[in-house]
Amino acid sequence: MKIKKTVSILLTTAVAATMISGCSKEDDGAVKFSEKYMDSVLSADFNGMTDMLREDDGIADYSIDDRSFTGLVAVLGHCDYEQKEYRGDKDEITIEYTLRLPDLEDIKGNEYGSYADLLTSLEDLDEREFDIEISLVPKGEKWLVKDAGSTLELYEDILDGLSEAEFEYSLGYEGVLASLEEHLPGLAEEFTSSTPVAGEYNITYDGLQFVFSRFDDSDYAFEMFSVIVGCWLDEVPTEDDHYYYLNAQGRASGIVWKDEMVVHIYDQDGTHYDEVNSVLEDLREML
């Protein structure tokens, strides 16, 4: 079910209902400010939220990888809200909102062909509700949001739900291609149009080096994995190690191996850091 964006009529109705019921008279400026903050929450606009917070509260430094951020924004894009409760006085006002968003519990038990497929399926999920409280405190003639605690709870709830998704691809041609098509489409096109030499694709494209190798046996694959790790990190991996993230002067690189397969990707010119990291996260999930 596709969820529409914020419906102002619902907000107006909720405000009127609260006032009629005899609760605290609402400060129109506080309500509008809280709605502005909520709009930043649903856009995952960390800079916007930081500007409205009394203290940073960790929002500006909130740690999230690119893929998770994409998923978070996708879920929030299917979310709308309405005011549920208003309480407080001139010293502090708390406005509670009810959010309606995709029920990520429904993704459990399903297998998706790619992360993009998962995000496309969000519009078909049932709805669920999540309550979030925005507490405002005065500063001079304006309001500020007291803290971002409920915002972070919402984000963690969504990210935890997305982490339950399972994917049907595994490390191999189809799985690697699915990740490249999602994050590095130009490299994916080179991959599909290239012919392997002795089971190996060795492609350099737009400052990226990509090596996909299939060997005759897993022992040789592990040996090659160990050689590359040793060259980069001067470490000796064990057979329980299947993934290494490498970083050379800000240039992302990583290598994975499984069975007879070794995949190595390296950002040669340092301009594809985020995309390379997203592919590496996908490859790690395929192990």
C-alpha atoms as a PDB file:
ATOM      1  CA  MET A   1       0.000   0.000   0.000  1.00  0.00           C
ATOM      2  CA  LYS A   2       1.590   3.257  -1.069  1.00  0.00           C
ATOM      3  CA  ILE A   3       1.489   5.890   1.656  1.00  0.00           C
ATOM      4  CA  LYS A   4       0.984   9.517   0.715  1.00  0.00           C
ATOM      5  CA  LYS A   5       3.014  12.337   2.166  1.00  0.00           C
ATOM      6  CA  THR A   6       1.875  14.546   5.057  1.00  0.00           C
ATOM      7  CA  VAL A   7      -1.795  15.451   4.959  1.00  0.00           C
ATOM      8  CA  SER A   8      -2.283  18.909   6.443  1.00  0.00           C
ATOM      9  CA  ILE A   9      -6.031  18.364   6.916  1.00  0.00           C
ATOM     10  CA  LEU A  10      -5.288  15.596   9.408  1.00  0.00           C
ATOM     11  CA  LEU A  11      -3.005  17.883  11.346  1.00  0.00           C
ATOM     12  CA  THR A  12      -5.610  20.653  11.434  1.00  0.00           C
ATOM     13  CA  THR A  13      -8.279  18.238  12.605  1.00  0.00           C
ATOM     14  CA  ALA A  14      -6.006  16.897  15.338  1.00  0.00           C
ATOM     15  CA  VAL A  15      -5.235  20.420  16.555  1.00  0.00           C
ATOM     16  CA  ALA A  16      -8.904  21.348  16.685  1.00  0.00           C
ATOM     17  CA  ALA A  17      -9.842  18.168  18.514  1.00  0.00           C
ATOM     18  CA  THR A  18      -7.223  18.790  21.184  1.00  0.00           C
ATOM     19  CA  MET A  19      -8.401  22.337  21.820  1.00  0.00           C
ATOM     20  CA  ILE A  20     -12.073  21.329  22.018  1.00  0.00           C
ATOM     21  CA  SER A  21     -11.255  18.591  24.545  1.00  0.00           C
ATOM     22  CA  GLY A  22     -10.090  21.212  27.062  1.00  0.00           C
ATOM     23  CA  CYS A  23      -6.353  20.419  26.951  1.00  0.00           C
ATOM     24  CA  SER A  24      -3.687  23.107  27.056  1.00  0.00           C
ATOM     25  CA  LYS A  25      -4.180  25.824  24.471  1.00  0.00           C
ATOM     26  CA  GLU A  26      -1.724  25.258  21.701  1.00  0.00           C
ATOM     27  CA  ASP A  27       1.039  27.656  20.784  1.00  0.00           C
ATOM     28  CA  ASP A  28       0.732  27.918  17.023  1.00  0.00           C
ATOM     29  CA  GLY A  29       4.399  28.822  16.673  1.00  0.00           C
ATOM     30  CA  ALA A  30       5.448  25.753  18.633  1.00  0.00           C
ATOM     31  CA  VAL A  31       3.261  23.483  16.523  1.00  0.00           C
ATOM     32  CA  LYS A  32       4.612  24.913  13.276  1.00  0.00           C
ATOM     33  CA  PHE A  33       8.178  24.584  14.555  1.00  0.00           C
ATOM     34  CA  SER A  34       7.621  20.963  15.582  1.00  0.00           C
ATOM     35  CA  GLU A  35       6.158  20.221  12.142  1.00  0.00           C
ATOM     36  CA  LYS A  36       9.227  21.758  10.531  1.00  0.00           C
ATOM     37  CA  TYR A  37      11.388  19.500  12.670  1.00  0.00           C
ATOM     38  CA  MET A  38       9.256  16.484  11.747  1.00  0.00           C
ATOM     39  CA  ASP A  39       9.698  17.293   8.063  1.00  0.00           C
ATOM     40  CA  SER A  40      13.475  17.248   8.609  1.00  0.00           C
ATOM     41  CA  VAL A  41      13.159  13.921  10.431  1.00  0.00           C
ATOM     42  CA  LEU A  42      11.262  12.390   7.511  1.00  0.00           C
ATOM     43  CA  SER A  43      13.853  13.733   5.068  1.00  0.00           C
ATOM     44  CA  ALA A  44      16.753  12.470   7.208  1.00  0.00           C
ATOM     45  CA  ASP A  45      18.047  16.041   7.000  1.00  0.00           C
ATOM     46  CA  PHE A  46      20.683  15.870   9.722  1.00  0.00           C
ATOM     47  CA  ASN A  47      21.872  19.442   9.189  1.00  0.00           C
ATOM     48  CA  GLY A  48      18.324  20.749   9.375  1.00  0.00           C
ATOM     49  CA  MET A  49      17.641  18.850  12.586  1.00  0.00           C
ATOM     50  CA  THR A  50      20.912  20.006  14.130  1.00  0.00           C
ATOM     51  CA  ASP A  51      19.969  23.647  13.537  1.00  0.00           C
ATOM     52  CA  MET A  52      16.705  23.120  15.440  1.00  0.00           C
ATOM     53  CA  LEU A  53      18.129  21.231  18.406  1.00  0.00           C
ATOM     54  CA  ARG A  54      19.054  22.827  21.707  1.00  0.00           C
ATOM     55  CA  GLU A  55      22.188  20.692  21.656  1.00  0.00           C
ATOM     56  CA  ASP A  56      23.740  18.595  18.885  1.00  0.00           C
ATOM     57  CA  ASP A  57      22.765  15.401  20.721  1.00  0.00           C
ATOM     58  CA  GLY A  58      24.747  13.215  18.325  1.00  0.00           C
ATOM     59  CA  ILE A  59      22.621  13.919  15.244  1.00  0.00           C
ATOM     60  CA  ALA A  60      25.367  15.727  13.321  1.00  0.00           C
ATOM     61  CA  ASP A  61      27.736  12.788  13.868  1.00  0.00           C
ATOM     62  CA  TYR A  62      25.143  10.045  13.448  1.00  0.00           C
ATOM     63  CA  SER A  63      27.039   7.134  11.925  1.00  0.00           C
ATOM     64  CA  ILE A  64      25.326   5.417   9.017  1.00  0.00           C
ATOM     65  CA  ASP A  65      26.691   3.851   5.846  1.00  0.00           C
ATOM     66  CA  ASP A  66      25.415   4.901   2.426  1.00  0.00           C
ATOM     67  CA  ARG A  67      23.350   1.802   1.852  1.00  0.00           C
ATOM     68  CA  SER A  68      21.612   2.058   5.221  1.00  0.00           C
ATOM     69  CA  PHE A  69      20.988   5.755   4.600  1.00  0.00           C
ATOM     70  CA  THR A  70      19.363   4.915   1.274  1.00  0.00           C
ATOM     71  CA  GLY A  71      17.120   2.379   3.000  1.00  0.00           C
ATOM     72  CA  LEU A  72      16.262   4.785   5.808  1.00  0.00           C
ATOM     73  CA  VAL A  73      15.278   7.532   3.366  1.00  0.00           C
ATOM     74  CA  ALA A  74      13.225   5.071   1.313  1.00  0.00           C
ATOM     75  CA  VAL A  75      11.200   3.976   4.344  1.00  0.00           C
ATOM     76  CA  LEU A  76      10.717   7.551   5.543  1.00  0.00           C
ATOM     77  CA  GLY A  77       9.528   8.490   2.068  1.00  0.00           C
ATOM     78  CA  HIS A  78       6.518   6.211   2.613  1.00  0.00           C
ATOM     79  CA  CYS A  79       5.744   7.788   5.978  1.00  0.00           C
ATOM     80  CA  ASP A  80       3.194  10.381   7.056  1.00  0.00           C
ATOM     81  CA  TYR A  81       2.217  11.712  10.466  1.00  0.00           C
ATOM     82  CA  GLU A  82      -0.490  13.431  12.454  1.00  0.00           C
ATOM     83  CA  GLN A  83      -0.541  15.162  15.794  1.00  0.00           C
ATOM     84  CA  LYS A  84      -1.701  12.939  18.647  1.00  0.00           C
ATOM     85  CA  GLU A  85      -1.200  14.987  21.814  1.00  0.00           C
ATOM     86  CA  TYR A  86      -0.126  18.442  22.960  1.00  0.00           C
ATOM     87  CA  ARG A  87       0.869  19.252  26.520  1.00  0.00           C
ATOM     88  CA  GLY A  88       2.983  21.731  28.445  1.00  0.00           C
ATOM     89  CA  ASP A  89       3.323  25.447  29.083  1.00  0.00           C
ATOM     90  CA  LYS A  90       5.629  28.355  28.295  1.00  0.00           C
ATOM     91  CA  ASP A  91       8.624  26.568  29.864  1.00  0.00           C
ATOM     92  CA  GLU A  92       8.393  23.330  27.881  1.00  0.00           C
ATOM     93  CA  ILE A  93       5.948  21.899  25.355  1.00  0.00           C
ATOM     94  CA  THR A  94       5.739  18.270  24.262  1.00  0.00           C
ATOM     95  CA  ILE A  95       3.937  17.396  21.060  1.00  0.00           C
ATOM     96  CA  GLU A  96       3.393  13.736  20.293  1.00  0.00           C
ATOM     97  CA  TYR A  97       2.945  12.560  16.729  1.00  0.00           C
ATOM     98  CA  THR A  98       1.752   9.241  15.358  1.00  0.00           C
ATOM     99  CA  LEU A  99       3.681   8.122  12.302  1.00  0.00           C
ATOM    100  CA  ARG A 100       2.373   5.635   9.775  1.00  0.00           C
ATOM    101  CA  LEU A 101       5.113   3.777   7.943  1.00  0.00           C
ATOM    102  CA  PRO A 102       5.721   0.424   6.217  1.00  0.00           C
ATOM    103  CA  ASP A 103       5.607  -2.563   8.551  1.00  0.00           C
ATOM    104  CA  LEU A 104       9.096  -3.990   8.095  1.00  0.00           C
ATOM    105  CA  GLU A 105       8.092  -7.109  10.020  1.00  0.00           C
ATOM    106  CA  ASP A 106       6.504  -8.204   6.732  1.00  0.00           C
ATOM    107  CA  ILE A 107       9.886  -8.517   5.023  1.00  0.00           C
ATOM    108  CA  LYS A 108      10.898 -11.430   7.243  1.00  0.00           C
ATOM    109  CA  GLY A 109      10.792 -14.748   5.462  1.00  0.00           C
ATOM    110  CA  ASN A 110      11.046 -13.142   2.020  1.00  0.00           C
ATOM    111  CA  GLU A 111      14.108 -13.298  -0.178  1.00  0.00           C
ATOM    112  CA  TYR A 112      14.992 -10.373  -2.394  1.00  0.00           C
ATOM    113  CA  GLY A 113      17.054 -10.326  -5.545  1.00  0.00           C
ATOM    114  CA  SER A 114      18.809  -7.111  -4.508  1.00  0.00           C
ATOM    115  CA  TYR A 115      18.633  -4.278  -2.011  1.00  0.00           C
ATOM    116  CA  ALA A 116      16.909  -2.210  -4.695  1.00  0.00           C
ATOM    117  CA  ASP A 117      14.208  -4.888  -4.951  1.00  0.00           C
ATOM    118  CA  LEU A 118      13.685  -4.682  -1.196  1.00  0.00           C
ATOM    119  CA  LEU A 119      13.191  -0.917  -1.335  1.00  0.00           C
ATOM    120  CA  THR A 120      10.788  -1.222  -4.264  1.00  0.00           C
ATOM    121  CA  SER A 121       8.679  -3.656  -2.229  1.00  0.00           C
ATOM    122  CA  LEU A 122       8.136  -1.136   0.588  1.00  0.00           C
ATOM    123  CA  GLU A 123       5.063   0.305  -1.100  1.00  0.00           C
ATOM    124  CA  ASP A 124       3.361  -3.098  -0.930  1.00  0.00           C
ATOM    125  CA  LEU A 125       3.838  -3.608   2.815  1.00  0.00           C
ATOM    126  CA  ASP A 126       1.103  -3.094   5.381  1.00  0.00           C
ATOM    127  CA  GLU A 127       1.198  -0.021   7.595  1.00  0.00           C
ATOM    128  CA  ARG A 128       2.193   0.206  11.217  1.00  0.00           C
ATOM    129  CA  GLU A 129       2.270   3.071  13.679  1.00  0.00           C
ATOM    130  CA  PHE A 130       5.132   4.598  15.616  1.00  0.00           C
ATOM    131  CA  ASP A 131       4.728   7.360  18.212  1.00  0.00           C
ATOM    132  CA  ILE A 132       7.377  10.047  18.466  1.00  0.00           C
ATOM    133  CA  GLU A 133       7.545  12.886  21.010  1.00  0.00           C
ATOM    134  CA  ILE A 134       9.011  16.286  20.207  1.00  0.00           C
ATOM    135  CA  SER A 135       9.772  18.347  23.321  1.00  0.00           C
ATOM    136  CA  LEU A 136      10.352  22.062  22.777  1.00  0.00           C
ATOM    137  CA  VAL A 137      12.070  24.539  25.075  1.00  0.00           C
ATOM    138  CA  PRO A 138      12.182  28.313  24.628  1.00  0.00           C
ATOM    139  CA  LYS A 139      15.290  30.237  23.728  1.00  0.00           C
ATOM    140  CA  GLY A 140      14.605  33.940  23.561  1.00  0.00           C
ATOM    141  CA  GLU A 141      11.617  34.418  21.290  1.00  0.00           C
ATOM    142  CA  LYS A 142      11.953  31.097  19.495  1.00  0.00           C
ATOM    143  CA  TRP A 143      11.646  27.394  20.249  1.00  0.00           C
ATOM    144  CA  LEU A 144      14.298  24.660  20.084  1.00  0.00           C
ATOM    145  CA  VAL A 145      13.906  20.884  20.182  1.00  0.00           C
ATOM    146  CA  LYS A 146      15.054  19.659  23.580  1.00  0.00           C
ATOM    147  CA  ASP A 147      16.772  16.475  22.352  1.00  0.00           C
ATOM    148  CA  ALA A 148      16.833  13.984  19.483  1.00  0.00           C
ATOM    149  CA  GLY A 149      16.204  10.874  21.559  1.00  0.00           C
ATOM    150  CA  SER A 150      12.904   9.891  19.956  1.00  0.00           C
ATOM    151  CA  THR A 151      14.288  10.660  16.494  1.00  0.00           C
ATOM    152  CA  LEU A 152      17.194   8.284  16.986  1.00  0.00           C
ATOM    153  CA  GLU A 153      14.812   5.628  18.336  1.00  0.00           C
ATOM    154  CA  LEU A 154      12.773   5.909  15.141  1.00  0.00           C
ATOM    155  CA  TYR A 155      15.862   5.615  12.935  1.00  0.00           C
ATOM    156  CA  GLU A 156      17.244   2.628  14.834  1.00  0.00           C
ATOM    157  CA  ASP A 157      13.842   0.929  14.684  1.00  0.00           C
ATOM    158  CA  ILE A 158      13.761   1.307  10.896  1.00  0.00           C
ATOM    159  CA  LEU A 159      17.372   0.194  10.396  1.00  0.00           C
ATOM    160  CA  ASP A 160      16.844  -2.832  12.630  1.00  0.00           C
ATOM    161  CA  GLY A 161      13.836  -3.774  10.525  1.00  0.00           C
ATOM    162  CA  LEU A 162      15.737  -3.450   7.252  1.00  0.00           C
ATOM    163  CA  SER A 163      18.578  -5.569   8.636  1.00  0.00           C
ATOM    164  CA  GLU A 164      16.177  -8.524   8.808  1.00  0.00           C
ATOM    165  CA  ALA A 165      15.948  -8.710   5.021  1.00  0.00           C
ATOM    166  CA  GLU A 166      17.361 -11.785   3.321  1.00  0.00           C
ATOM    167  CA  PHE A 167      18.713 -11.908  -0.202  1.00  0.00           C
ATOM    168  CA  GLU A 168      18.641 -14.835  -2.547  1.00  0.00           C
ATOM    169  CA  TYR A 169      21.905 -14.084  -4.314  1.00  0.00           C
ATOM    170  CA  SER A 170      25.254 -15.407  -3.157  1.00  0.00           C
ATOM    171  CA  LEU A 171      28.831 -14.571  -4.000  1.00  0.00           C
ATOM    172  CA  GLY A 172      29.179 -15.395  -7.679  1.00  0.00           C
ATOM    173  CA  TYR A 173      28.528 -13.853 -11.077  1.00  0.00           C
ATOM    174  CA  GLU A 174      24.833 -13.056 -10.534  1.00  0.00           C
ATOM    175  CA  GLY A 175      25.275 -11.720  -7.019  1.00  0.00           C
ATOM    176  CA  VAL A 176      28.226  -9.511  -7.871  1.00  0.00           C
ATOM    177  CA  LEU A 177      26.469  -8.227 -10.988  1.00  0.00           C
ATOM    178  CA  ALA A 178      23.355  -7.326  -8.960  1.00  0.00           C
ATOM    179  CA  SER A 179      25.456  -5.218  -6.602  1.00  0.00           C
ATOM    180  CA  LEU A 180      27.374  -3.503  -9.394  1.00  0.00           C
ATOM    181  CA  GLU A 181      24.147  -2.690 -11.259  1.00  0.00           C
ATOM    182  CA  GLU A 182      22.798  -1.026  -8.127  1.00  0.00           C
ATOM    183  CA  HIS A 183      25.861   0.962  -7.078  1.00  0.00           C
ATOM    184  CA  LEU A 184      28.226   1.153 -10.074  1.00  0.00           C
ATOM    185  CA  PRO A 185      26.133   0.754 -13.241  1.00  0.00           C
ATOM    186  CA  GLY A 186      28.971   1.805 -15.547  1.00  0.00           C
ATOM    187  CA  LEU A 187      31.238  -0.878 -14.145  1.00  0.00           C
ATOM    188  CA  ALA A 188      28.369  -3.389 -14.339  1.00  0.00           C
ATOM    189  CA  GLU A 189      28.016  -2.658 -18.065  1.00  0.00           C
ATOM    190  CA  GLU A 190      31.738  -3.257 -18.570  1.00  0.00           C
ATOM    191  CA  PHE A 191      31.429  -6.464 -16.554  1.00  0.00           C
ATOM    192  CA  THR A 192      28.600  -7.879 -18.660  1.00  0.00           C
ATOM    193  CA  SER A 193      30.239  -6.920 -21.955  1.00  0.00           C
ATOM    194  CA  SER A 194      33.660  -8.341 -21.067  1.00  0.00           C
ATOM    195  CA  THR A 195      34.937 -11.830 -21.757  1.00  0.00           C
ATOM    196  CA  PRO A 196      36.739 -13.576 -18.905  1.00  0.00           C
ATOM    197  CA  VAL A 197      40.269 -14.812 -19.415  1.00  0.00           C
ATOM    198  CA  ALA A 198      40.906 -18.131 -17.656  1.00  0.00           C
ATOM    199  CA  GLY A 199      37.827 -17.498 -15.511  1.00  0.00           C
ATOM    200  CA  GLU A 200      38.923 -13.979 -14.506  1.00  0.00           C
ATOM    201  CA  TYR A 201      37.432 -10.569 -15.211  1.00  0.00           C
ATOM    202  CA  ASN A 202      40.011  -7.830 -14.717  1.00  0.00           C
ATOM    203  CA  ILE A 203      38.370  -4.507 -15.551  1.00  0.00           C
ATOM    204  CA  THR A 204      39.535  -0.941 -15.102  1.00  0.00           C
ATOM    205  CA  TYR A 205      36.775   1.608 -15.519  1.00  0.00           C
ATOM    206  CA  ASP A 206      36.544   5.294 -14.557  1.00  0.00           C
ATOM    207  CA  GLY A 207      39.227   5.086 -11.880  1.00  0.00           C
ATOM    208  CA  LEU A 208      38.042   1.716 -10.563  1.00  0.00           C
ATOM    209  CA  GLN A 209      39.792  -1.618 -10.719  1.00  0.00           C
ATOM    210  CA  PHE A 210      37.621  -4.685 -10.426  1.00  0.00           C
ATOM    211  CA  VAL A 211      38.886  -8.273 -10.384  1.00  0.00           C
ATOM    212  CA  PHE A 212      36.527 -11.233 -10.293  1.00  0.00           C
ATOM    213  CA  SER A 213      38.338 -14.596 -10.326  1.00  0.00           C
ATOM    214  CA  ARG A 214      37.102 -18.177 -10.384  1.00  0.00           C
ATOM    215  CA  PHE A 215      39.744 -20.814  -9.668  1.00  0.00           C
ATOM    216  CA  ASP A 216      39.913 -24.572 -10.039  1.00  0.00           C
ATOM    217  CA  ASP A 217      39.792 -25.210  -6.309  1.00  0.00           C
ATOM    218  CA  SER A 218      39.177 -23.379  -3.053  1.00  0.00           C
ATOM    219  CA  ASP A 219      42.743 -23.880  -1.804  1.00  0.00           C
ATOM    220  CA  TYR A 220      44.149 -21.869  -4.679  1.00  0.00           C
ATOM    221  CA  ALA A 221      41.455 -19.227  -4.230  1.00  0.00           C
ATOM    222  CA  PHE A 222      42.374 -18.883  -0.572  1.00  0.00           C
ATOM    223  CA  GLU A 223      46.057 -18.666  -1.505  1.00  0.00           C
ATOM    224  CA  MET A 224      45.372 -15.758  -3.857  1.00  0.00           C
ATOM    225  CA  PHE A 225      43.179 -14.089  -1.227  1.00  0.00           C
ATOM    226  CA  SER A 226      46.053 -14.409   1.265  1.00  0.00           C
ATOM    227  CA  VAL A 227      48.606 -12.971  -1.176  1.00  0.00           C
ATOM    228  CA  ILE A 228      46.526  -9.859  -1.813  1.00  0.00           C
ATOM    229  CA  VAL A 229      45.795  -9.314   1.876  1.00  0.00           C
ATOM    230  CA  GLY A 230      49.485  -9.791   2.662  1.00  0.00           C
ATOM    231  CA  CYS A 231      50.515  -7.245   0.043  1.00  0.00           C
ATOM    232  CA  TRP A 232      48.073  -4.659   1.366  1.00  0.00           C
ATOM    233  CA  LEU A 233      48.088  -5.228   5.097  1.00  0.00           C
ATOM    234  CA  ASP A 234      51.103  -7.423   5.855  1.00  0.00           C
ATOM    235  CA  GLU A 235      48.707  -9.827   7.570  1.00  0.00           C
ATOM    236  CA  VAL A 236      48.180 -13.561   7.162  1.00  0.00           C
ATOM    237  CA  PRO A 237      44.459 -14.409   7.033  1.00  0.00           C
ATOM    238  CA  THR A 238      43.030 -17.697   8.261  1.00  0.00           C
ATOM    239  CA  GLU A 239      40.575 -19.861   6.391  1.00  0.00           C
ATOM    240  CA  ASP A 240      37.874 -18.473   8.670  1.00  0.00           C
ATOM    241  CA  ASP A 241      38.515 -15.018   7.208  1.00  0.00           C
ATOM    242  CA  HIS A 242      36.495 -14.289   4.107  1.00  0.00           C
ATOM    243  CA  TYR A 243      36.461 -10.510   3.965  1.00  0.00           C
ATOM    244  CA  TYR A 244      38.980  -7.705   4.336  1.00  0.00           C
ATOM    245  CA  TYR A 245      38.335  -4.007   4.025  1.00  0.00           C
ATOM    246  CA  LEU A 246      41.421  -2.130   2.915  1.00  0.00           C
ATOM    247  CA  ASN A 247      42.027   1.598   2.936  1.00  0.00           C
ATOM    248  CA  ALA A 248      45.068   3.145   1.284  1.00  0.00           C
ATOM    249  CA  GLN A 249      45.287   6.890   1.769  1.00  0.00           C
ATOM    250  CA  GLY A 250      41.533   7.321   1.643  1.00  0.00           C
ATOM    251  CA  ARG A 251      41.047   5.023  -1.326  1.00  0.00           C
ATOM    252  CA  ALA A 252      38.570   2.283  -0.583  1.00  0.00           C
ATOM    253  CA  SER A 253      39.444  -1.275  -1.434  1.00  0.00           C
ATOM    254  CA  GLY A 254      38.281  -4.648  -0.300  1.00  0.00           C
ATOM    255  CA  ILE A 255      38.575  -8.316  -1.050  1.00  0.00           C
ATOM    256  CA  VAL A 256      36.353 -11.301  -0.361  1.00  0.00           C
ATOM    257  CA  TRP A 257      36.678 -14.995  -1.097  1.00  0.00           C
ATOM    258  CA  LYS A 258      34.418 -18.022  -0.859  1.00  0.00           C
ATOM    259  CA  ASP A 259      34.923 -21.511  -2.231  1.00  0.00           C
ATOM    260  CA  GLU A 260      36.616 -21.036  -5.629  1.00  0.00           C
ATOM    261  CA  MET A 261      35.768 -17.338  -5.902  1.00  0.00           C
ATOM    262  CA  VAL A 262      37.819 -14.199  -5.171  1.00  0.00           C
ATOM    263  CA  VAL A 263      36.511 -10.668  -5.742  1.00  0.00           C
ATOM    264  CA  HIS A 264      38.643  -7.546  -5.312  1.00  0.00           C
ATOM    265  CA  ILE A 265      37.562  -3.963  -5.949  1.00  0.00           C
ATOM    266  CA  TYR A 266      39.756  -0.875  -5.633  1.00  0.00           C
ATOM    267  CA  ASP A 267      39.028   2.836  -6.074  1.00  0.00           C
ATOM    268  CA  GLN A 268      42.179   3.885  -7.915  1.00  0.00           C
ATOM    269  CA  ASP A 269      41.501   7.610  -8.134  1.00  0.00           C
ATOM    270  CA  GLY A 270      39.694   7.994  -4.806  1.00  0.00           C
ATOM    271  CA  THR A 271      36.486   9.427  -6.290  1.00  0.00           C
ATOM    272  CA  HIS A 272      34.180   6.446  -5.713  1.00  0.00           C
ATOM    273  CA  TYR A 273      34.616   5.877  -1.993  1.00  0.00           C
ATOM    274  CA  ASP A 274      30.907   5.635  -1.152  1.00  0.00           C
ATOM    275  CA  GLU A 275      29.960   3.439  -4.104  1.00  0.00           C
ATOM    276  CA  VAL A 276      32.853   1.045  -3.503  1.00  0.00           C
ATOM    277  CA  ASN A 277      31.944   0.742   0.159  1.00  0.00           C
ATOM    278  CA  SER A 278      28.347  -0.061  -0.759  1.00  0.00           C
ATOM    279  CA  VAL A 279      29.469  -2.844  -3.099  1.00  0.00           C
ATOM    280  CA  LEU A 280      31.806  -4.209  -0.430  1.00  0.00           C
ATOM    281  CA  GLU A 281      28.930  -4.288   2.083  1.00  0.00           C
ATOM    282  CA  ASP A 282      26.877  -6.255  -0.438  1.00  0.00           C
ATOM    283  CA  LEU A 283      29.711  -8.705  -1.078  1.00  0.00           C
ATOM    284  CA  ARG A 284      30.129  -9.281   2.641  1.00  0.00           C
ATOM    285  CA  GLU A 285      26.425 -10.135   2.898  1.00  0.00           C
ATOM    286  CA  MET A 286      26.820 -12.697   0.134  1.00  0.00           C
ATOM    287  CA  LEU A 287      29.423 -14.705   2.074  1.00  0.00           C
END
